Amino acid sequence: MNLMQHAAGLAESRTRATTEDAHRLSQQLRAAKGRIGDLEAKVRYHQERVERAKQWLHRICAEIEGRFPTSRTVEDIPEPRQ
């Protein structure tokens, strides 16, 4: 009987430790998902800025070509890639 009580106590202790580990890992996973969401939002923000900058550069280049014509024409200037 003593051996069974010892085994039960050991099993309970391991179960408690495993539950605590699972809870801790669950919290870490939630935090990581939050950080991932923040980083994805930052990536989208910077991608949009890059696209706007490309559009402005194309517009500026086209205006320069319009004011100071060379052998190239505005139509030769590649459109910004999407």
PDB file of N, CA and C in Angstrom:
ATOM      1  N   MET A   1       0.832  -1.199   0.000  1.00  0.00           N
ATOM      2  CA  MET A   1       0.000   0.000   0.000  1.00  0.00           C
ATOM      3  C   MET A   1       0.869   1.252   0.000  1.00  0.00           C
ATOM      4  N   ASN A   2       1.935   1.192   0.753  1.00  0.00           N
ATOM      5  CA  ASN A   2       2.859   2.319   0.839  1.00  0.00           C
ATOM      6  C   ASN A   2       3.468   2.622  -0.526  1.00  0.00           C
ATOM      7  N   LEU A   3       3.781   1.577  -1.257  1.00  0.00           N
ATOM      8  CA  LEU A   3       4.367   1.730  -2.589  1.00  0.00           C
ATOM      9  C   LEU A   3       3.378   2.376  -3.557  1.00  0.00           C
ATOM     10  N   MET A   4       2.097   2.031  -3.439  1.00  0.00           N
ATOM     11  CA  MET A   4       1.065   2.627  -4.297  1.00  0.00           C
ATOM     12  C   MET A   4       0.900   4.111  -3.989  1.00  0.00           C
ATOM     13  N   GLN A   5       0.946   4.487  -2.719  1.00  0.00           N
ATOM     14  CA  GLN A   5       0.827   5.893  -2.351  1.00  0.00           C
ATOM     15  C   GLN A   5       2.012   6.694  -2.892  1.00  0.00           C
ATOM     16  N   HIS A   6       3.185   6.094  -2.795  1.00  0.00           N
ATOM     17  CA  HIS A   6       4.372   6.752  -3.324  1.00  0.00           C
ATOM     18  C   HIS A   6       4.256   6.948  -4.840  1.00  0.00           C
ATOM     19  N   ALA A   7       3.790   5.914  -5.547  1.00  0.00           N
ATOM     20  CA  ALA A   7       3.618   5.989  -6.997  1.00  0.00           C
ATOM     21  C   ALA A   7       2.567   7.033  -7.361  1.00  0.00           C
ATOM     22  N   ALA A   8       1.484   7.097  -6.597  1.00  0.00           N
ATOM     23  CA  ALA A   8       0.427   8.075  -6.854  1.00  0.00           C
ATOM     24  C   ALA A   8       0.958   9.492  -6.637  1.00  0.00           C
ATOM     25  N   GLY A   9       1.728   9.687  -5.563  1.00  0.00           N
ATOM     26  CA  GLY A   9       2.316  10.999  -5.289  1.00  0.00           C
ATOM     27  C   GLY A   9       3.274  11.418  -6.387  1.00  0.00           C
ATOM     28  N   LEU A  10       4.075  10.478  -6.848  1.00  0.00           N
ATOM     29  CA  LEU A  10       5.014  10.752  -7.933  1.00  0.00           C
ATOM     30  C   LEU A  10       4.272  11.105  -9.221  1.00  0.00           C
ATOM     31  N   ALA A  11       3.217  10.365  -9.533  1.00  0.00           N
ATOM     32  CA  ALA A  11       2.423  10.637 -10.734  1.00  0.00           C
ATOM     33  C   ALA A  11       1.767  12.011 -10.638  1.00  0.00           C
ATOM     34  N   GLU A  12       1.248  12.349  -9.466  1.00  0.00           N
ATOM     35  CA  GLU A  12       0.611  13.659  -9.259  1.00  0.00           C
ATOM     36  C   GLU A  12       1.635  14.781  -9.436  1.00  0.00           C
ATOM     37  N   SER A  13       2.815  14.593  -8.904  1.00  0.00           N
ATOM     38  CA  SER A  13       3.876  15.590  -9.023  1.00  0.00           C
ATOM     39  C   SER A  13       4.268  15.804 -10.484  1.00  0.00           C
ATOM     40  N   ARG A  14       4.406  14.710 -11.212  1.00  0.00           N
ATOM     41  CA  ARG A  14       4.770  14.819 -12.624  1.00  0.00           C
ATOM     42  C   ARG A  14       3.652  15.467 -13.436  1.00  0.00           C
ATOM     43  N   THR A  15       2.415  15.120 -13.101  1.00  0.00           N
ATOM     44  CA  THR A  15       1.273  15.716 -13.795  1.00  0.00           C
ATOM     45  C   THR A  15       1.243  17.218 -13.557  1.00  0.00           C
ATOM     46  N   ARG A  16       1.457  17.645 -12.323  1.00  0.00           N
ATOM     47  CA  ARG A  16       1.468  19.064 -11.975  1.00  0.00           C
ATOM     48  C   ARG A  16       2.581  19.787 -12.747  1.00  0.00           C
ATOM     49  N   ALA A  17       3.774  19.203 -12.779  1.00  0.00           N
ATOM     50  CA  ALA A  17       4.901  19.817 -13.484  1.00  0.00           C
ATOM     51  C   ALA A  17       4.620  19.910 -14.981  1.00  0.00           C
ATOM     52  N   THR A  18       4.021  18.866 -15.527  1.00  0.00           N
ATOM     53  CA  THR A  18       3.703  18.867 -16.955  1.00  0.00           C
ATOM     54  C   THR A  18       2.650  19.915 -17.272  1.00  0.00           C
ATOM     55  N   THR A  19       1.641  20.040 -16.401  1.00  0.00           N
ATOM     56  CA  THR A  19       0.592  21.050 -16.586  1.00  0.00           C
ATOM     57  C   THR A  19       1.186  22.450 -16.524  1.00  0.00           C
ATOM     58  N   GLU A  20       2.081  22.685 -15.575  1.00  0.00           N
ATOM     59  CA  GLU A  20       2.732  23.997 -15.460  1.00  0.00           C
ATOM     60  C   GLU A  20       3.568  24.291 -16.702  1.00  0.00           C
ATOM     61  N   ASP A  21       4.281  23.292 -17.203  1.00  0.00           N
ATOM     62  CA  ASP A  21       5.069  23.470 -18.431  1.00  0.00           C
ATOM     63  C   ASP A  21       4.168  23.814 -19.610  1.00  0.00           C
ATOM     64  N   ALA A  22       3.051  23.104 -19.720  1.00  0.00           N
ATOM     65  CA  ALA A  22       2.119  23.347 -20.821  1.00  0.00           C
ATOM     66  C   ALA A  22       1.559  24.769 -20.737  1.00  0.00           C
ATOM     67  N   HIS A  23       1.231  25.217 -19.523  1.00  0.00           N
ATOM     68  CA  HIS A  23       0.705  26.567 -19.331  1.00  0.00           C
ATOM     69  C   HIS A  23       1.764  27.613 -19.718  1.00  0.00           C
ATOM     70  N   ARG A  24       2.994  27.408 -19.277  1.00  0.00           N
ATOM     71  CA  ARG A  24       4.085  28.336 -19.579  1.00  0.00           C
ATOM     72  C   ARG A  24       4.328  28.395 -21.086  1.00  0.00           C
ATOM     73  N   LEU A  25       4.347  27.230 -21.734  1.00  0.00           N
ATOM     74  CA  LEU A  25       4.558  27.195 -23.178  1.00  0.00           C
ATOM     75  C   LEU A  25       3.396  27.843 -23.937  1.00  0.00           C
ATOM     76  N   SER A  26       2.189  27.670 -23.432  1.00  0.00           N
ATOM     77  CA  SER A  26       1.023  28.290 -24.044  1.00  0.00           C
ATOM     78  C   SER A  26       1.134  29.814 -23.976  1.00  0.00           C
ATOM     79  N   GLN A  27       1.578  30.341 -22.848  1.00  0.00           N
ATOM     80  CA  GLN A  27       1.775  31.789 -22.705  1.00  0.00           C
ATOM     81  C   GLN A  27       2.852  32.287 -23.663  1.00  0.00           C
ATOM     82  N   GLN A  28       3.938  31.529 -23.784  1.00  0.00           N
ATOM     83  CA  GLN A  28       5.010  31.917 -24.694  1.00  0.00           C
ATOM     84  C   GLN A  28       4.531  31.907 -26.141  1.00  0.00           C
ATOM     85  N   LEU A  29       3.717  30.921 -26.485  1.00  0.00           N
ATOM     86  CA  LEU A  29       3.170  30.843 -27.835  1.00  0.00           C
ATOM     87  C   LEU A  29       2.270  32.036 -28.133  1.00  0.00           C
ATOM     88  N   ARG A  30       1.406  32.397 -27.184  1.00  0.00           N
ATOM     89  CA  ARG A  30       0.540  33.562 -27.360  1.00  0.00           C
ATOM     90  C   ARG A  30       1.370  34.827 -27.551  1.00  0.00           C
ATOM     91  N   ALA A  31       2.425  34.989 -26.752  1.00  0.00           N
ATOM     92  CA  ALA A  31       3.292  36.161 -26.870  1.00  0.00           C
ATOM     93  C   ALA A  31       3.998  36.178 -28.225  1.00  0.00           C
ATOM     94  N   ALA A  32       4.462  35.019 -28.666  1.00  0.00           N
ATOM     95  CA  ALA A  32       5.140  34.932 -29.961  1.00  0.00           C
ATOM     96  C   ALA A  32       4.175  35.283 -31.092  1.00  0.00           C
ATOM     97  N   LYS A  33       2.936  34.795 -31.011  1.00  0.00           N
ATOM     98  CA  LYS A  33       1.942  35.121 -32.038  1.00  0.00           C
ATOM     99  C   LYS A  33       1.678  36.620 -32.068  1.00  0.00           C
ATOM    100  N   GLY A  34       1.635  37.241 -30.904  1.00  0.00           N
ATOM    101  CA  GLY A  34       1.455  38.693 -30.840  1.00  0.00           C
ATOM    102  C   GLY A  34       2.607  39.431 -31.493  1.00  0.00           C
ATOM    103  N   ARG A  35       3.833  38.993 -31.214  1.00  0.00           N
ATOM    104  CA  ARG A  35       5.013  39.622 -31.831  1.00  0.00           C
ATOM    105  C   ARG A  35       5.005  39.414 -33.337  1.00  0.00           C
ATOM    106  N   ILE A  36       4.610  38.232 -33.784  1.00  0.00           N
ATOM    107  CA  ILE A  36       4.532  37.953 -35.221  1.00  0.00           C
ATOM    108  C   ILE A  36       3.529  38.895 -35.878  1.00  0.00           C
ATOM    109  N   GLY A  37       2.378  39.070 -35.256  1.00  0.00           N
ATOM    110  CA  GLY A  37       1.373  39.986 -35.794  1.00  0.00           C
ATOM    111  C   GLY A  37       1.906  41.406 -35.894  1.00  0.00           C
ATOM    112  N   ASP A  38       2.625  41.854 -34.870  1.00  0.00           N
ATOM    113  CA  ASP A  38       3.217  43.189 -34.894  1.00  0.00           C
ATOM    114  C   ASP A  38       4.234  43.317 -36.026  1.00  0.00           C
ATOM    115  N   LEU A  39       5.072  42.303 -36.170  1.00  0.00           N
ATOM    116  CA  LEU A  39       6.095  42.335 -37.225  1.00  0.00           C
ATOM    117  C   LEU A  39       5.466  42.302 -38.614  1.00  0.00           C
ATOM    118  N   GLU A  40       4.407  41.512 -38.778  1.00  0.00           N
ATOM    119  CA  GLU A  40       3.725  41.461 -40.074  1.00  0.00           C
ATOM    120  C   GLU A  40       3.124  42.827 -40.419  1.00  0.00           C
ATOM    121  N   ALA A  41       2.567  43.504 -39.414  1.00  0.00           N
ATOM    122  CA  ALA A  41       2.012  44.840 -39.649  1.00  0.00           C
ATOM    123  C   ALA A  41       3.118  45.820 -40.055  1.00  0.00           C
ATOM    124  N   LYS A  42       4.276  45.718 -39.420  1.00  0.00           N
ATOM    125  CA  LYS A  42       5.396  46.591 -39.773  1.00  0.00           C
ATOM    126  C   LYS A  42       5.885  46.307 -41.188  1.00  0.00           C
ATOM    127  N   VAL A  43       5.927  45.033 -41.562  1.00  0.00           N
ATOM    128  CA  VAL A  43       6.348  44.672 -42.915  1.00  0.00           C
ATOM    129  C   VAL A  43       5.384  45.271 -43.933  1.00  0.00           C
ATOM    130  N   ARG A  44       4.070  45.136 -43.695  1.00  0.00           N
ATOM    131  CA  ARG A  44       3.078  45.706 -44.616  1.00  0.00           C
ATOM    132  C   ARG A  44       3.252  47.214 -44.730  1.00  0.00           C
ATOM    133  N   TYR A  45       3.464  47.881 -43.595  1.00  0.00           N
ATOM    134  CA  TYR A  45       3.646  49.335 -43.588  1.00  0.00           C
ATOM    135  C   TYR A  45       4.845  49.727 -44.452  1.00  0.00           C
ATOM    136  N   HIS A  46       5.962  49.030 -44.264  1.00  0.00           N
ATOM    137  CA  HIS A  46       7.165  49.375 -45.016  1.00  0.00           C
ATOM    138  C   HIS A  46       7.046  48.993 -46.491  1.00  0.00           C
ATOM    139  N   GLN A  47       6.345  47.908 -46.792  1.00  0.00           N
ATOM    140  CA  GLN A  47       6.121  47.547 -48.193  1.00  0.00           C
ATOM    141  C   GLN A  47       5.302  48.634 -48.894  1.00  0.00           C
ATOM    142  N   GLU A  48       4.296  49.153 -48.200  1.00  0.00           N
ATOM    143  CA  GLU A  48       3.477  50.225 -48.779  1.00  0.00           C
ATOM    144  C   GLU A  48       4.318  51.478 -49.003  1.00  0.00           C
ATOM    145  N   ARG A  49       5.195  51.791 -48.060  1.00  0.00           N
ATOM    146  CA  ARG A  49       6.081  52.950 -48.224  1.00  0.00           C
ATOM    147  C   ARG A  49       7.011  52.761 -49.408  1.00  0.00           C
ATOM    148  N   VAL A  50       7.528  51.565 -49.585  1.00  0.00           N
ATOM    149  CA  VAL A  50       8.411  51.278 -50.719  1.00  0.00           C
ATOM    150  C   VAL A  50       7.656  51.490 -52.022  1.00  0.00           C
ATOM    151  N   GLU A  51       6.428  50.992 -52.091  1.00  0.00           N
ATOM    152  CA  GLU A  51       5.637  51.143 -53.314  1.00  0.00           C
ATOM    153  C   GLU A  51       5.362  52.610 -53.607  1.00  0.00           C
ATOM    154  N   ARG A  52       5.013  53.384 -52.566  1.00  0.00           N
ATOM    155  CA  ARG A  52       4.777  54.815 -52.779  1.00  0.00           C
ATOM    156  C   ARG A  52       6.055  55.514 -53.233  1.00  0.00           C
ATOM    157  N   ALA A  53       7.179  55.144 -52.657  1.00  0.00           N
ATOM    158  CA  ALA A  53       8.455  55.743 -53.048  1.00  0.00           C
ATOM    159  C   ALA A  53       8.778  55.413 -54.500  1.00  0.00           C
ATOM    160  N   LYS A  54       8.539  54.175 -54.911  1.00  0.00           N
ATOM    161  CA  LYS A  54       8.774  53.798 -56.308  1.00  0.00           C
ATOM    162  C   LYS A  54       7.911  54.632 -57.245  1.00  0.00           C
ATOM    163  N   GLN A  55       6.646  54.816 -56.873  1.00  0.00           N
ATOM    164  CA  GLN A  55       5.741  55.603 -57.706  1.00  0.00           C
ATOM    165  C   GLN A  55       6.210  57.050 -57.808  1.00  0.00           C
ATOM    166  N   TRP A  56       6.638  57.612 -56.682  1.00  0.00           N
ATOM    167  CA  TRP A  56       7.135  58.988 -56.703  1.00  0.00           C
ATOM    168  C   TRP A  56       8.399  59.094 -57.548  1.00  0.00           C
ATOM    169  N   LEU A  57       9.305  58.147 -57.416  1.00  0.00           N
ATOM    170  CA  LEU A  57      10.524  58.184 -58.216  1.00  0.00           C
ATOM    171  C   LEU A  57      10.210  58.097 -59.709  1.00  0.00           C
ATOM    172  N   HIS A  58       9.267  57.252 -60.061  1.00  0.00           N
ATOM    173  CA  HIS A  58       8.868  57.147 -61.461  1.00  0.00           C
ATOM    174  C   HIS A  58       8.275  58.468 -61.927  1.00  0.00           C
ATOM    175  N   ARG A  59       7.439  59.065 -61.104  1.00  0.00           N
ATOM    176  CA  ARG A  59       6.819  60.345 -61.464  1.00  0.00           C
ATOM    177  C   ARG A  59       7.884  61.430 -61.631  1.00  0.00           C
ATOM    178  N   ILE A  60       8.822  61.494 -60.710  1.00  0.00           N
ATOM    179  CA  ILE A  60       9.897  62.482 -60.781  1.00  0.00           C
ATOM    180  C   ILE A  60      10.736  62.266 -62.029  1.00  0.00           C
ATOM    181  N   CYS A  61      11.071  61.022 -62.300  1.00  0.00           N
ATOM    182  CA  CYS A  61      11.859  60.690 -63.489  1.00  0.00           C
ATOM    183  C   CYS A  61      11.113  61.105 -64.754  1.00  0.00           C
ATOM    184  N   ALA A  62       9.820  60.832 -64.796  1.00  0.00           N
ATOM    185  CA  ALA A  62       9.011  61.193 -65.957  1.00  0.00           C
ATOM    186  C   ALA A  62       8.972  62.710 -66.132  1.00  0.00           C
ATOM    187  N   GLU A  63       8.842  63.462 -65.042  1.00  0.00           N
ATOM    188  CA  GLU A  63       8.831  64.923 -65.125  1.00  0.00           C
ATOM    189  C   GLU A  63      10.171  65.450 -65.615  1.00  0.00           C
ATOM    190  N   ILE A  64      11.259  64.877 -65.120  1.00  0.00           N
ATOM    191  CA  ILE A  64      12.592  65.300 -65.560  1.00  0.00           C
ATOM    192  C   ILE A  64      12.745  65.022 -67.045  1.00  0.00           C
ATOM    193  N   GLU A  65      12.353  63.829 -67.459  1.00  0.00           N
ATOM    194  CA  GLU A  65      12.439  63.489 -68.879  1.00  0.00           C
ATOM    195  C   GLU A  65      11.576  64.435 -69.713  1.00  0.00           C
ATOM    196  N   GLY A  66      10.432  64.849 -69.176  1.00  0.00           N
ATOM    197  CA  GLY A  66       9.556  65.769 -69.900  1.00  0.00           C
ATOM    198  C   GLY A  66      10.159  67.156 -70.035  1.00  0.00           C
ATOM    199  N   ARG A  67      10.885  67.586 -69.026  1.00  0.00           N
ATOM    200  CA  ARG A  67      11.479  68.923 -69.059  1.00  0.00           C
ATOM    201  C   ARG A  67      12.822  68.956 -69.768  1.00  0.00           C
ATOM    202  N   PHE A  68      13.548  67.876 -69.708  1.00  0.00           N
ATOM    203  CA  PHE A  68      14.870  67.799 -70.321  1.00  0.00           C
ATOM    204  C   PHE A  68      14.916  66.573 -71.225  1.00  0.00           C
ATOM    205  N   PRO A  69      14.286  66.679 -72.376  1.00  0.00           N
ATOM    206  CA  PRO A  69      14.204  65.516 -73.257  1.00  0.00           C
ATOM    207  C   PRO A  69      15.597  65.043 -73.701  1.00  0.00           C
ATOM    208  N   THR A  70      15.696  63.742 -73.791  1.00  0.00           N
ATOM    209  CA  THR A  70      16.913  63.107 -74.303  1.00  0.00           C
ATOM    210  C   THR A  70      16.485  62.133 -75.370  1.00  0.00           C
ATOM    211  N   SER A  71      17.359  61.247 -75.707  1.00  0.00           N
ATOM    212  CA  SER A  71      16.973  60.241 -76.699  1.00  0.00           C
ATOM    213  C   SER A  71      15.948  59.271 -76.128  1.00  0.00           C
ATOM    214  N   ARG A  72      15.887  59.176 -74.780  1.00  0.00           N
ATOM    215  CA  ARG A  72      14.861  58.342 -74.135  1.00  0.00           C
ATOM    216  C   ARG A  72      13.581  59.141 -74.016  1.00  0.00           C
ATOM    217  N   THR A  73      12.481  58.455 -74.060  1.00  0.00           N
ATOM    218  CA  THR A  73      11.199  59.122 -73.834  1.00  0.00           C
ATOM    219  C   THR A  73      10.598  58.583 -72.557  1.00  0.00           C
ATOM    220  N   VAL A  74       9.575  59.260 -72.100  1.00  0.00           N
ATOM    221  CA  VAL A  74       8.904  58.844 -70.861  1.00  0.00           C
ATOM    222  C   VAL A  74       8.386  57.420 -70.986  1.00  0.00           C
ATOM    223  N   GLU A  75       7.967  57.046 -72.191  1.00  0.00           N
ATOM    224  CA  GLU A  75       7.450  55.693 -72.391  1.00  0.00           C
ATOM    225  C   GLU A  75       8.531  54.634 -72.195  1.00  0.00           C
ATOM    226  N   ASP A  76       9.807  55.040 -72.343  1.00  0.00           N
ATOM    227  CA  ASP A  76      10.914  54.098 -72.159  1.00  0.00           C
ATOM    228  C   ASP A  76      11.186  53.806 -70.675  1.00  0.00           C
ATOM    229  N   ILE A  77      10.677  54.672 -69.835  1.00  0.00           N
ATOM    230  CA  ILE A  77      10.926  54.516 -68.399  1.00  0.00           C
ATOM    231  C   ILE A  77      10.057  53.384 -67.876  1.00  0.00           C
ATOM    232  N   PRO A  78      10.659  52.369 -67.269  1.00  0.00           N
ATOM    233  CA  PRO A  78       9.845  51.246 -66.791  1.00  0.00           C
ATOM    234  C   PRO A  78       8.910  51.669 -65.664  1.00  0.00           C
ATOM    235  N   GLU A  79       7.727  51.113 -65.684  1.00  0.00           N
ATOM    236  CA  GLU A  79       6.761  51.343 -64.620  1.00  0.00           C
ATOM    237  C   GLU A  79       7.247  50.648 -63.354  1.00  0.00           C
ATOM    238  N   PRO A  80       6.903  51.194 -62.194  1.00  0.00           N
ATOM    239  CA  PRO A  80       7.264  50.493 -60.951  1.00  0.00           C
ATOM    240  C   PRO A  80       6.611  49.123 -60.907  1.00  0.00           C
ATOM    241  N   ARG A  81       7.375  48.142 -60.448  1.00  0.00           N
ATOM    242  CA  ARG A  81       6.823  46.785 -60.320  1.00  0.00           C
ATOM    243  C   ARG A  81       5.930  46.700 -59.115  1.00  0.00           C
ATOM    244  N   GLN A  82       4.913  45.894 -59.207  1.00  0.00           N
ATOM    245  CA  GLN A  82       3.983  45.703 -58.080  1.00  0.00           C
ATOM    246  C   GLN A  82       4.421  44.564 -57.230  1.00  0.00           C
TER     247      GLN A  82
END
